[in-house]
Amino acid sequence: MEKHTYTVNLIWENDRKGIMSSPELTTKIEVATPPEFDKGMPNIWSPEHLFTASVVSCFMTTFLAIAEYSKLEYIKFSCNAEGVLEKIDGKYLMTKIILKPELIIAELDKMERAQRILEKSEAACLISNSIKSEIELIAVINIEN
């Protein structure tokens, strides 16, 4: 694969809030300091949310590609994620991302294979591989007939 560039623009609006956009996309995202920080704003996407979202969305797209390539049939895929922010040695760090995928498949005998594909997806996720935060995978695979 060749080198790719993704452009994101940010314009400060007021207080601790700005608007993110990209010339490659049609939607804009309002972003602000989270309420846990001084002058933070509730109910607006924060860098911490976006960091966590970047990992979980990459995990999903990687899973979809690997599942398709592996011909894993599934009924439903969803994933919740938690980003853990901690202060270590006087610096704030996103220390851990906990991925909680739920996968529904039709056949019990495909359970182990589905688990391996979820684990492979986490290991192959380019965003996970680009950050130093720990990534924890807690998968739930259910059977639906």
Protein backbone atom coordinates (compact mmCIF):
# COMPACT_ATOMS: atom_id res chain seq x y z
CA MET A 1 0.00 0.00 0.00
CA GLU A 2 1.27 3.43 -0.84
CA LYS A 3 1.47 6.36 1.58
CA HIS A 4 -1.81 8.19 2.27
CA THR A 5 -2.53 11.55 3.88
CA TYR A 6 -5.71 12.49 5.75
CA THR A 7 -6.40 16.19 6.27
CA VAL A 8 -8.29 17.57 9.27
CA ASN A 9 -8.90 21.28 9.80
CA LEU A 10 -9.84 22.90 13.09
CA ILE A 11 -11.25 26.38 13.65
CA TRP A 12 -11.63 27.72 17.18
CA GLU A 13 -15.16 29.04 17.79
CA ASN A 14 -15.30 30.30 21.37
CA ASP A 15 -14.37 29.40 24.93
CA ARG A 16 -12.83 25.90 24.79
CA LYS A 17 -14.70 24.81 21.64
CA GLY A 18 -13.89 24.47 17.96
CA ILE A 19 -15.20 22.90 14.75
CA MET A 20 -13.31 20.12 12.97
CA SER A 21 -13.74 19.43 9.28
CA SER A 22 -11.96 17.78 6.42
CA PRO A 23 -11.91 18.71 2.74
CA GLU A 24 -12.45 14.99 2.08
CA LEU A 25 -15.68 14.80 4.13
CA THR A 26 -19.05 16.51 4.20
CA THR A 27 -19.72 16.46 7.97
CA LYS A 28 -18.22 18.64 10.69
CA ILE A 29 -17.58 17.73 14.32
CA GLU A 30 -17.86 20.12 17.25
CA VAL A 31 -15.03 19.45 19.69
CA ALA A 32 -14.25 20.88 23.12
CA THR A 33 -12.36 20.37 26.33
CA PRO A 34 -14.22 17.71 28.35
CA PRO A 35 -16.05 18.79 31.51
CA GLU A 36 -13.53 17.01 33.77
CA PHE A 37 -11.04 19.80 32.97
CA ASP A 38 -11.15 23.48 33.90
CA LYS A 39 -13.64 25.32 31.67
CA GLY A 40 -14.56 22.05 29.98
CA MET A 41 -17.87 21.72 28.18
CA PRO A 42 -20.35 18.85 28.56
CA ASN A 43 -22.23 17.17 25.69
CA ILE A 44 -19.56 17.89 23.06
CA TRP A 45 -17.06 15.45 21.55
CA SER A 46 -13.67 15.80 23.23
CA PRO A 47 -10.19 14.78 22.08
CA GLU A 48 -10.46 11.89 24.54
CA HIS A 49 -13.71 10.71 22.91
CA LEU A 50 -12.17 11.06 19.46
CA PHE A 51 -9.05 9.12 20.51
CA THR A 52 -11.22 6.28 21.79
CA ALA A 53 -13.47 6.51 18.72
CA SER A 54 -10.46 6.27 16.45
CA VAL A 55 -9.43 2.96 18.02
CA VAL A 56 -12.93 1.42 18.08
CA SER A 57 -13.77 2.48 14.52
CA CYS A 58 -10.45 1.10 13.25
CA PHE A 59 -11.12 -2.15 15.12
CA MET A 60 -14.54 -2.41 13.45
CA THR A 61 -13.29 -1.75 9.93
CA THR A 62 -10.39 -4.18 10.44
CA PHE A 63 -12.79 -6.84 11.75
CA LEU A 64 -15.14 -6.35 8.79
CA ALA A 65 -12.26 -6.83 6.34
CA ILE A 66 -10.77 -9.86 8.10
CA ALA A 67 -14.19 -11.50 8.63
CA GLU A 68 -14.99 -11.03 4.93
CA TYR A 69 -11.61 -12.39 3.84
CA SER A 70 -12.01 -15.33 6.26
CA LYS A 71 -15.59 -15.92 5.12
CA LEU A 72 -16.86 -15.70 8.70
CA GLU A 73 -20.61 -15.37 8.62
CA TYR A 74 -22.10 -13.28 11.41
CA ILE A 75 -25.53 -11.86 12.15
CA LYS A 76 -24.54 -8.78 14.10
CA PHE A 77 -21.42 -6.93 15.20
CA SER A 78 -21.31 -4.07 17.71
CA CYS A 79 -18.56 -2.74 19.92
CA ASN A 80 -18.50 -0.47 22.94
CA ALA A 81 -15.21 1.10 23.98
CA GLU A 82 -13.88 2.82 27.07
CA GLY A 83 -10.88 5.13 26.99
CA VAL A 84 -9.03 5.45 30.30
CA LEU A 85 -7.35 8.79 31.05
CA GLU A 86 -4.81 8.88 33.87
CA LYS A 87 -2.23 11.29 35.21
CA ILE A 88 1.17 9.61 35.28
CA ASP A 89 4.38 11.40 36.26
CA GLY A 90 2.56 14.72 36.04
CA LYS A 91 1.23 14.11 32.51
CA TYR A 92 -2.22 13.13 31.35
CA LEU A 93 -2.20 10.00 29.20
CA MET A 94 -4.82 7.82 27.57
CA THR A 95 -3.40 4.68 29.15
CA LYS A 96 -5.89 2.07 28.03
CA ILE A 97 -8.66 1.45 25.54
CA ILE A 98 -11.04 -1.35 26.46
CA LEU A 99 -12.82 -2.79 23.45
CA LYS A 100 -16.02 -4.72 24.17
CA PRO A 101 -17.20 -6.24 20.90
CA GLU A 102 -20.35 -8.31 20.76
CA LEU A 103 -20.64 -10.68 17.87
CA ILE A 104 -23.69 -12.77 17.06
CA ILE A 105 -23.13 -15.83 14.91
CA ALA A 106 -25.46 -18.65 13.86
CA GLU A 107 -23.32 -21.71 14.53
CA LEU A 108 -21.90 -22.84 17.86
CA ASP A 109 -19.01 -24.66 16.20
CA LYS A 110 -17.73 -21.33 14.79
CA MET A 111 -17.29 -19.76 18.26
CA GLU A 112 -13.52 -20.35 18.58
CA ARG A 113 -12.90 -19.20 15.01
CA ALA A 114 -14.93 -16.04 15.62
CA GLN A 115 -12.88 -15.33 18.78
CA ARG A 116 -9.62 -15.77 16.84
CA ILE A 117 -10.83 -13.38 14.14
CA LEU A 118 -11.75 -10.75 16.76
CA GLU A 119 -8.30 -11.12 18.35
CA LYS A 120 -6.59 -10.96 14.94
CA SER A 121 -8.59 -7.81 14.14
CA GLU A 122 -7.40 -6.09 17.31
CA ALA A 123 -3.80 -7.09 16.60
CA ALA A 124 -4.00 -5.84 12.98
CA CYS A 125 -5.75 -2.52 13.71
CA LEU A 126 -3.44 0.19 12.40
CA ILE A 127 -4.61 2.77 14.94
CA SER A 128 -4.02 0.38 17.86
CA ASN A 129 -0.58 -0.34 16.44
CA SER A 130 0.16 3.40 16.15
CA ILE A 131 -0.44 4.32 19.79
CA LYS A 132 1.24 3.40 23.06
CA SER A 133 -1.97 2.92 25.07
CA GLU A 134 -2.77 -0.63 26.15
CA ILE A 135 -5.63 -2.19 24.19
CA GLU A 136 -7.79 -4.69 26.07
CA LEU A 137 -10.27 -6.88 24.18
CA ILE A 138 -13.26 -8.30 26.07
CA ALA A 139 -15.29 -10.13 23.44
CA VAL A 140 -18.78 -11.58 23.74
CA ILE A 141 -19.88 -14.03 21.07
CA ASN A 142 -23.48 -15.20 21.10
CA ILE A 143 -25.28 -17.79 19.05
CA GLU A 144 -28.56 -17.00 17.30
CA ASN A 145 -30.42 -19.70 15.42
